Amino acid sequence: MTLAEIAALLGLNLALILAAMGALWALSLRSGRIGFLDGVWPLLIAGLAATSFIAAQGDPVRKGLLLWLVAIWAAPQAWRRLSPRAGAEADARYAAVSEDRIVRTGWSRGRVRLITFFLPQGALAWVASLPVQLGQVEFLPPVGWVGWTGAVLAVAGIGLEGVGSLRRHPTEMSMPAVSGWRRWLRRPDYLGDLAVWWGLFLIAAETTPGQASVIGPIFLTFALAHWAKTENPRRVSDGG
């Protein structure tokens, strides 16, 4: 694909995910709920991989790896986060942040939700998913040892994320503080997510456009490092 075609694909994906977030925002206003955003977020990332799979003309093996790995990563995450318990917890968290922003800004509830949650999370999903977008646009080279190493890393990360997600953290705020890498041991699901997205990047990085997608896993690494540092990544003050 030419540079113009790649830019058009990225622009299309950005427009699609922002449109989807706009529709979800409207749904949240009608239903009064917002916690479903946590469960829909990984599905939207998988959707970007799917639109890239359809539109791009890259190596079919690399395209298939990126699409199916991100789909396998997204499905269980969405299933867990859309459960009634997870939805209720997320609703309470988002509601607390919304009320605080309404008091501080004087904005309407709808405006706060759109500007604070839906549009930013749509843009961040687009950035985080750059490896599964840009990794599909080049036909050559074929998948080599770097790409297959990335696939193994992503599979391992999916397994680790699944195991880590089974752990509950109801008393994180009362746990003794730790520093450095030990914080990550409390969040094996975060380590799993990092393995998945750096693995997907390695698959993409065998192509020149895919190398530019490094901003995605870098962004995710900094975000998860921040949440790990707070000890309780779902604090109200983080809004997520």
C-alpha atoms as a PDB file:
ATOM      1  CA  MET A   1       0.000   0.000   0.000  1.00  0.00           C
ATOM      2  CA  THR A   2       1.122   3.534  -0.690  1.00  0.00           C
ATOM      3  CA  LEU A   3       1.603   6.081   2.065  1.00  0.00           C
ATOM      4  CA  ALA A   4      -1.645   7.772   1.044  1.00  0.00           C
ATOM      5  CA  GLU A   5      -3.526   4.465   1.207  1.00  0.00           C
ATOM      6  CA  ILE A   6      -2.096   3.717   4.646  1.00  0.00           C
ATOM      7  CA  ALA A   7      -3.096   7.176   5.862  1.00  0.00           C
ATOM      8  CA  ALA A   8      -6.582   6.607   4.450  1.00  0.00           C
ATOM      9  CA  LEU A   9      -6.871   3.277   6.288  1.00  0.00           C
ATOM     10  CA  LEU A  10      -5.793   4.827   9.582  1.00  0.00           C
ATOM     11  CA  GLY A  11      -8.173   7.718   9.055  1.00  0.00           C
ATOM     12  CA  LEU A  12     -11.038   5.355   8.280  1.00  0.00           C
ATOM     13  CA  ASN A  13     -10.339   3.324  11.407  1.00  0.00           C
ATOM     14  CA  LEU A  14     -10.188   6.454  13.553  1.00  0.00           C
ATOM     15  CA  ALA A  15     -13.482   7.694  12.116  1.00  0.00           C
ATOM     16  CA  LEU A  16     -15.117   4.297  12.675  1.00  0.00           C
ATOM     17  CA  ILE A  17     -14.056   3.987  16.290  1.00  0.00           C
ATOM     18  CA  LEU A  18     -15.060   7.557  17.128  1.00  0.00           C
ATOM     19  CA  ALA A  19     -18.429   6.958  15.473  1.00  0.00           C
ATOM     20  CA  ALA A  20     -18.832   3.776  17.512  1.00  0.00           C
ATOM     21  CA  MET A  21     -17.974   5.700  20.670  1.00  0.00           C
ATOM     22  CA  GLY A  22     -20.546   8.324  19.745  1.00  0.00           C
ATOM     23  CA  ALA A  23     -23.192   5.628  19.408  1.00  0.00           C
ATOM     24  CA  LEU A  24     -22.188   4.080  22.720  1.00  0.00           C
ATOM     25  CA  TRP A  25     -22.313   7.511  24.344  1.00  0.00           C
ATOM     26  CA  ALA A  26     -25.881   7.939  23.112  1.00  0.00           C
ATOM     27  CA  LEU A  27     -26.723   4.494  24.469  1.00  0.00           C
ATOM     28  CA  SER A  28     -25.260   5.429  27.857  1.00  0.00           C
ATOM     29  CA  LEU A  29     -27.469   8.512  28.018  1.00  0.00           C
ATOM     30  CA  ARG A  30     -30.568   6.453  27.329  1.00  0.00           C
ATOM     31  CA  SER A  31     -29.708   3.586  29.666  1.00  0.00           C
ATOM     32  CA  GLY A  32     -28.063   5.638  32.401  1.00  0.00           C
ATOM     33  CA  ARG A  33     -25.159   3.199  32.437  1.00  0.00           C
ATOM     34  CA  ILE A  34     -21.572   3.616  31.360  1.00  0.00           C
ATOM     35  CA  GLY A  35     -19.697   0.632  32.808  1.00  0.00           C
ATOM     36  CA  PHE A  36     -20.215  -1.395  29.637  1.00  0.00           C
ATOM     37  CA  LEU A  37     -17.478   0.754  28.092  1.00  0.00           C
ATOM     38  CA  ASP A  38     -14.837  -1.400  29.810  1.00  0.00           C
ATOM     39  CA  GLY A  39     -16.145  -4.516  28.067  1.00  0.00           C
ATOM     40  CA  VAL A  40     -16.685  -2.927  24.670  1.00  0.00           C
ATOM     41  CA  TRP A  41     -13.189  -1.404  24.527  1.00  0.00           C
ATOM     42  CA  PRO A  42     -11.303  -4.625  23.647  1.00  0.00           C
ATOM     43  CA  LEU A  43     -14.008  -5.524  21.120  1.00  0.00           C
ATOM     44  CA  LEU A  44     -13.495  -2.192  19.374  1.00  0.00           C
ATOM     45  CA  ILE A  45      -9.775  -2.915  19.124  1.00  0.00           C
ATOM     46  CA  ALA A  46     -10.581  -6.281  17.564  1.00  0.00           C
ATOM     47  CA  GLY A  47     -12.928  -4.439  15.212  1.00  0.00           C
ATOM     48  CA  LEU A  48     -10.070  -2.217  14.040  1.00  0.00           C
ATOM     49  CA  ALA A  49      -8.028  -5.320  13.335  1.00  0.00           C
ATOM     50  CA  ALA A  50     -10.957  -6.701  11.315  1.00  0.00           C
ATOM     51  CA  THR A  51     -11.435  -3.560   9.209  1.00  0.00           C
ATOM     52  CA  SER A  52      -7.691  -3.501   8.528  1.00  0.00           C
ATOM     53  CA  PHE A  53      -7.841  -7.183   7.555  1.00  0.00           C
ATOM     54  CA  ILE A  54     -10.542  -6.399   4.999  1.00  0.00           C
ATOM     55  CA  ALA A  55      -9.023  -3.225   3.606  1.00  0.00           C
ATOM     56  CA  ALA A  56      -5.283  -3.956   3.676  1.00  0.00           C
ATOM     57  CA  GLN A  57      -3.392  -6.030   1.114  1.00  0.00           C
ATOM     58  CA  GLY A  58      -0.553  -7.366   3.220  1.00  0.00           C
ATOM     59  CA  ASP A  59       0.856 -10.836   3.735  1.00  0.00           C
ATOM     60  CA  PRO A  60      -2.141 -13.105   4.450  1.00  0.00           C
ATOM     61  CA  VAL A  61      -0.243 -15.103   7.077  1.00  0.00           C
ATOM     62  CA  ARG A  62       0.726 -11.978   9.017  1.00  0.00           C
ATOM     63  CA  LYS A  63      -2.787 -10.574   8.640  1.00  0.00           C
ATOM     64  CA  GLY A  64      -4.291 -13.795   9.934  1.00  0.00           C
ATOM     65  CA  LEU A  65      -1.959 -13.914  12.921  1.00  0.00           C
ATOM     66  CA  LEU A  66      -2.720 -10.337  13.921  1.00  0.00           C
ATOM     67  CA  LEU A  67      -6.470 -10.678  13.478  1.00  0.00           C
ATOM     68  CA  TRP A  68      -6.943 -13.971  15.278  1.00  0.00           C
ATOM     69  CA  LEU A  69      -4.548 -13.252  18.124  1.00  0.00           C
ATOM     70  CA  VAL A  70      -6.198  -9.942  18.935  1.00  0.00           C
ATOM     71  CA  ALA A  71      -9.633 -11.563  18.662  1.00  0.00           C
ATOM     72  CA  ILE A  72      -8.622 -14.326  21.079  1.00  0.00           C
ATOM     73  CA  TRP A  73      -7.253 -11.666  23.441  1.00  0.00           C
ATOM     74  CA  ALA A  74     -10.365  -9.468  23.228  1.00  0.00           C
ATOM     75  CA  ALA A  75     -13.138 -12.058  23.587  1.00  0.00           C
ATOM     76  CA  PRO A  76     -12.471 -13.229  27.172  1.00  0.00           C
ATOM     77  CA  GLN A  77     -11.702  -9.688  28.309  1.00  0.00           C
ATOM     78  CA  ALA A  78     -15.049  -8.502  27.000  1.00  0.00           C
ATOM     79  CA  TRP A  79     -16.842 -11.489  28.531  1.00  0.00           C
ATOM     80  CA  ARG A  80     -15.438 -10.803  31.994  1.00  0.00           C
ATOM     81  CA  ARG A  81     -15.941  -7.040  31.898  1.00  0.00           C
ATOM     82  CA  LEU A  82     -19.517  -7.287  30.671  1.00  0.00           C
ATOM     83  CA  SER A  83     -20.531  -9.537  33.543  1.00  0.00           C
ATOM     84  CA  PRO A  84     -23.180  -8.063  35.891  1.00  0.00           C
ATOM     85  CA  ARG A  85     -20.721  -7.731  38.783  1.00  0.00           C
ATOM     86  CA  ALA A  86     -17.996  -6.087  36.709  1.00  0.00           C
ATOM     87  CA  GLY A  87     -20.568  -3.803  35.106  1.00  0.00           C
ATOM     88  CA  ALA A  88     -21.932  -2.671  38.454  1.00  0.00           C
ATOM     89  CA  GLU A  89     -18.434  -1.935  39.772  1.00  0.00           C
ATOM     90  CA  ALA A  90     -17.557   0.013  36.628  1.00  0.00           C
ATOM     91  CA  ASP A  91     -20.827   1.968  36.737  1.00  0.00           C
ATOM     92  CA  ALA A  92     -20.084   3.070  40.306  1.00  0.00           C
ATOM     93  CA  ARG A  93     -16.532   4.080  39.407  1.00  0.00           C
ATOM     94  CA  TYR A  94     -17.488   6.065  36.334  1.00  0.00           C
ATOM     95  CA  ALA A  95     -20.432   7.682  38.130  1.00  0.00           C
ATOM     96  CA  ALA A  96     -18.158   8.941  40.900  1.00  0.00           C
ATOM     97  CA  VAL A  97     -15.764  10.488  38.385  1.00  0.00           C
ATOM     98  CA  SER A  98     -18.659  11.984  36.407  1.00  0.00           C
ATOM     99  CA  GLU A  99     -20.185  13.661  39.435  1.00  0.00           C
ATOM    100  CA  ASP A 100     -16.830  15.105  40.452  1.00  0.00           C
ATOM    101  CA  ARG A 101     -16.277  16.543  36.963  1.00  0.00           C
ATOM    102  CA  ILE A 102     -19.800  17.943  36.818  1.00  0.00           C
ATOM    103  CA  VAL A 103     -19.245  19.777  40.113  1.00  0.00           C
ATOM    104  CA  ARG A 104     -15.860  21.142  39.040  1.00  0.00           C
ATOM    105  CA  THR A 105     -16.753  22.133  35.460  1.00  0.00           C
ATOM    106  CA  GLY A 106     -20.487  22.807  35.552  1.00  0.00           C
ATOM    107  CA  TRP A 107     -20.893  20.744  32.381  1.00  0.00           C
ATOM    108  CA  SER A 108     -23.911  18.564  31.692  1.00  0.00           C
ATOM    109  CA  ARG A 109     -23.687  14.855  32.473  1.00  0.00           C
ATOM    110  CA  GLY A 110     -23.765  14.008  28.777  1.00  0.00           C
ATOM    111  CA  ARG A 111     -20.924  16.379  27.931  1.00  0.00           C
ATOM    112  CA  VAL A 112     -18.800  15.057  30.780  1.00  0.00           C
ATOM    113  CA  ARG A 113     -19.292  11.472  29.642  1.00  0.00           C
ATOM    114  CA  LEU A 114     -18.465  12.254  26.024  1.00  0.00           C
ATOM    115  CA  ILE A 115     -15.355  14.354  26.658  1.00  0.00           C
ATOM    116  CA  THR A 116     -14.011  12.495  29.688  1.00  0.00           C
ATOM    117  CA  PHE A 117     -14.684   8.867  28.753  1.00  0.00           C
ATOM    118  CA  PHE A 118     -15.985   8.000  25.305  1.00  0.00           C
ATOM    119  CA  LEU A 119     -13.949  10.140  22.912  1.00  0.00           C
ATOM    120  CA  PRO A 120     -10.624   9.749  24.792  1.00  0.00           C
ATOM    121  CA  GLN A 121     -11.015   5.979  25.118  1.00  0.00           C
ATOM    122  CA  GLY A 122     -11.827   5.741  21.424  1.00  0.00           C
ATOM    123  CA  ALA A 123      -8.680   7.655  20.503  1.00  0.00           C
ATOM    124  CA  LEU A 124      -6.577   5.607  22.926  1.00  0.00           C
ATOM    125  CA  ALA A 125      -7.936   2.359  21.497  1.00  0.00           C
ATOM    126  CA  TRP A 126      -6.873   3.546  18.048  1.00  0.00           C
ATOM    127  CA  VAL A 127      -3.353   4.343  19.282  1.00  0.00           C
ATOM    128  CA  ALA A 128      -2.945   1.115  21.265  1.00  0.00           C
ATOM    129  CA  SER A 129      -4.075  -0.989  18.303  1.00  0.00           C
ATOM    130  CA  LEU A 130      -1.606   0.480  15.784  1.00  0.00           C
ATOM    131  CA  PRO A 131       0.345  -2.821  15.536  1.00  0.00           C
ATOM    132  CA  VAL A 132      -2.738  -4.698  14.288  1.00  0.00           C
ATOM    133  CA  GLN A 133      -3.498  -1.890  11.849  1.00  0.00           C
ATOM    134  CA  LEU A 134      -0.091  -1.059  10.373  1.00  0.00           C
ATOM    135  CA  GLY A 135       1.106  -4.655  10.557  1.00  0.00           C
ATOM    136  CA  GLN A 136      -1.353  -5.687   7.850  1.00  0.00           C
ATOM    137  CA  VAL A 137      -0.540  -3.226   5.075  1.00  0.00           C
ATOM    138  CA  GLU A 138       2.659  -4.695   3.533  1.00  0.00           C
ATOM    139  CA  PHE A 139       2.875  -7.942   1.563  1.00  0.00           C
ATOM    140  CA  LEU A 140       6.622  -8.389   2.066  1.00  0.00           C
ATOM    141  CA  PRO A 141       8.557  -9.691   3.832  1.00  0.00           C
ATOM    142  CA  PRO A 142       6.818 -12.924   4.841  1.00  0.00           C
ATOM    143  CA  VAL A 143       6.552 -13.768   8.505  1.00  0.00           C
ATOM    144  CA  GLY A 144       9.993 -14.691   9.810  1.00  0.00           C
ATOM    145  CA  TRP A 145      11.486 -15.756  13.100  1.00  0.00           C
ATOM    146  CA  VAL A 146      10.845 -12.356  14.706  1.00  0.00           C
ATOM    147  CA  GLY A 147       7.175 -12.538  13.827  1.00  0.00           C
ATOM    148  CA  TRP A 148       6.779 -16.106  15.039  1.00  0.00           C
ATOM    149  CA  THR A 149       8.569 -15.175  18.262  1.00  0.00           C
ATOM    150  CA  GLY A 150       6.040 -12.389  18.663  1.00  0.00           C
ATOM    151  CA  ALA A 151       3.196 -14.844  18.092  1.00  0.00           C
ATOM    152  CA  VAL A 152       4.526 -17.131  20.833  1.00  0.00           C
ATOM    153  CA  LEU A 153       4.905 -14.144  23.167  1.00  0.00           C
ATOM    154  CA  ALA A 154       1.349 -13.024  22.434  1.00  0.00           C
ATOM    155  CA  VAL A 155      -0.056 -16.510  23.106  1.00  0.00           C
ATOM    156  CA  ALA A 156       1.861 -16.663  26.383  1.00  0.00           C
ATOM    157  CA  GLY A 157       0.524 -13.233  27.285  1.00  0.00           C
ATOM    158  CA  ILE A 158      -3.052 -14.293  26.586  1.00  0.00           C
ATOM    159  CA  GLY A 159      -2.598 -17.205  28.965  1.00  0.00           C
ATOM    160  CA  LEU A 160      -0.983 -15.057  31.644  1.00  0.00           C
ATOM    161  CA  GLU A 161      -3.651 -12.379  31.320  1.00  0.00           C
ATOM    162  CA  GLY A 162      -6.330 -15.012  31.727  1.00  0.00           C
ATOM    163  CA  VAL A 163      -4.739 -16.434  34.865  1.00  0.00           C
ATOM    164  CA  GLY A 164      -4.141 -12.971  36.311  1.00  0.00           C
ATOM    165  CA  SER A 165      -7.699 -11.854  35.660  1.00  0.00           C
ATOM    166  CA  LEU A 166      -8.995 -14.623  37.915  1.00  0.00           C
ATOM    167  CA  ARG A 167      -7.396 -12.922  40.894  1.00  0.00           C
ATOM    168  CA  ARG A 168      -9.471 -10.411  42.809  1.00  0.00           C
ATOM    169  CA  HIS A 169      -7.946  -7.378  44.492  1.00  0.00           C
ATOM    170  CA  PRO A 170     -10.522  -6.291  47.058  1.00  0.00           C
ATOM    171  CA  THR A 171      -8.026  -5.071  49.628  1.00  0.00           C
ATOM    172  CA  GLU A 172      -5.352  -3.457  47.486  1.00  0.00           C
ATOM    173  CA  MET A 173      -5.503  -0.163  49.340  1.00  0.00           C
ATOM    174  CA  SER A 174      -4.687  -1.940  52.594  1.00  0.00           C
ATOM    175  CA  MET A 175      -1.837  -3.996  51.159  1.00  0.00           C
ATOM    176  CA  PRO A 176       1.712  -2.970  52.160  1.00  0.00           C
ATOM    177  CA  ALA A 177       3.396  -0.742  49.639  1.00  0.00           C
ATOM    178  CA  VAL A 178       6.014  -2.231  47.371  1.00  0.00           C
ATOM    179  CA  SER A 179       8.254  -0.666  44.766  1.00  0.00           C
ATOM    180  CA  GLY A 180       9.813  -1.479  41.434  1.00  0.00           C
ATOM    181  CA  TRP A 181       9.114  -4.721  39.620  1.00  0.00           C
ATOM    182  CA  ARG A 182       7.337  -6.250  42.639  1.00  0.00           C
ATOM    183  CA  ARG A 183       4.314  -4.075  41.880  1.00  0.00           C
ATOM    184  CA  TRP A 184       3.875  -5.972  38.637  1.00  0.00           C
ATOM    185  CA  LEU A 185       3.739  -9.320  40.433  1.00  0.00           C
ATOM    186  CA  ARG A 186       0.436  -8.207  41.952  1.00  0.00           C
ATOM    187  CA  ARG A 187      -0.964  -7.680  38.456  1.00  0.00           C
ATOM    188  CA  PRO A 188      -0.099 -10.683  36.271  1.00  0.00           C
ATOM    189  CA  ASP A 189      -2.970  -9.656  34.009  1.00  0.00           C
ATOM    190  CA  TYR A 190      -1.058  -6.445  33.271  1.00  0.00           C
ATOM    191  CA  LEU A 191       2.076  -8.433  32.476  1.00  0.00           C
ATOM    192  CA  GLY A 192      -0.042 -10.583  30.189  1.00  0.00           C
ATOM    193  CA  ASP A 193      -1.416  -7.548  28.360  1.00  0.00           C
ATOM    194  CA  LEU A 194       2.104  -6.214  27.836  1.00  0.00           C
ATOM    195  CA  ALA A 195       3.254  -9.563  26.465  1.00  0.00           C
ATOM    196  CA  VAL A 196       0.305  -9.662  24.073  1.00  0.00           C
ATOM    197  CA  TRP A 197       0.853  -6.209  22.651  1.00  0.00           C
ATOM    198  CA  TRP A 198       4.622  -6.366  22.422  1.00  0.00           C
ATOM    199  CA  GLY A 199       4.177  -9.761  20.753  1.00  0.00           C
ATOM    200  CA  LEU A 200       1.741  -8.291  18.233  1.00  0.00           C
ATOM    201  CA  PHE A 201       4.208  -5.482  17.614  1.00  0.00           C
ATOM    202  CA  LEU A 202       6.971  -7.991  16.840  1.00  0.00           C
ATOM    203  CA  ILE A 203       4.717  -9.603  14.255  1.00  0.00           C
ATOM    204  CA  ALA A 204       4.053  -6.204  12.697  1.00  0.00           C
ATOM    205  CA  ALA A 205       7.625  -4.934  13.043  1.00  0.00           C
ATOM    206  CA  GLU A 206       8.989  -7.155  10.301  1.00  0.00           C
ATOM    207  CA  THR A 207       7.424  -4.622   7.924  1.00  0.00           C
ATOM    208  CA  THR A 208       8.449  -0.980   7.657  1.00  0.00           C
ATOM    209  CA  PRO A 209       4.988   0.459   8.429  1.00  0.00           C
ATOM    210  CA  GLY A 210       4.684  -1.987  11.316  1.00  0.00           C
ATOM    211  CA  GLN A 211       7.825  -0.594  12.899  1.00  0.00           C
ATOM    212  CA  ALA A 212       6.106   2.787  13.209  1.00  0.00           C
ATOM    213  CA  SER A 213       3.393   1.142  15.315  1.00  0.00           C
ATOM    214  CA  VAL A 214       5.782   0.919  18.279  1.00  0.00           C
ATOM    215  CA  ILE A 215       3.950   3.914  19.741  1.00  0.00           C
ATOM    216  CA  GLY A 216       1.060   1.557  20.558  1.00  0.00           C
ATOM    217  CA  PRO A 217       2.848  -0.814  22.954  1.00  0.00           C
ATOM    218  CA  ILE A 218       4.901   2.074  24.348  1.00  0.00           C
ATOM    219  CA  PHE A 219       1.707   3.921  25.238  1.00  0.00           C
ATOM    220  CA  LEU A 220       0.215   0.798  26.797  1.00  0.00           C
ATOM    221  CA  THR A 221       3.381   0.154  28.799  1.00  0.00           C
ATOM    222  CA  PHE A 222       3.331   3.652  30.311  1.00  0.00           C
ATOM    223  CA  ALA A 223      -0.394   3.406  31.052  1.00  0.00           C
ATOM    224  CA  LEU A 224      -0.104   0.052  32.808  1.00  0.00           C
ATOM    225  CA  ALA A 225       3.038   1.190  34.641  1.00  0.00           C
ATOM    226  CA  HIS A 226       1.059   4.134  36.024  1.00  0.00           C
ATOM    227  CA  TRP A 227      -1.773   1.883  37.181  1.00  0.00           C
ATOM    228  CA  ALA A 228       0.657  -0.595  38.717  1.00  0.00           C
ATOM    229  CA  LYS A 229       2.367   2.253  40.564  1.00  0.00           C
ATOM    230  CA  THR A 230      -0.916   3.408  42.120  1.00  0.00           C
ATOM    231  CA  GLU A 231      -1.293  -0.090  43.664  1.00  0.00           C
ATOM    232  CA  ASN A 232      -5.033   0.098  42.973  1.00  0.00           C
ATOM    233  CA  PRO A 233      -5.434   0.645  39.211  1.00  0.00           C
ATOM    234  CA  ARG A 234      -9.176   1.156  39.518  1.00  0.00           C
ATOM    235  CA  ARG A 235      -9.039   4.138  41.844  1.00  0.00           C
ATOM    236  CA  VAL A 236     -11.743   6.707  41.341  1.00  0.00           C
ATOM    237  CA  SER A 237      -9.129   9.395  40.796  1.00  0.00           C
ATOM    238  CA  ASP A 238      -7.808   7.531  37.756  1.00  0.00           C
ATOM    239  CA  GLY A 239     -11.227   7.315  36.173  1.00  0.00           C
ATOM    240  CA  GLY A 240     -10.613   3.776  35.042  1.00  0.00           C
END
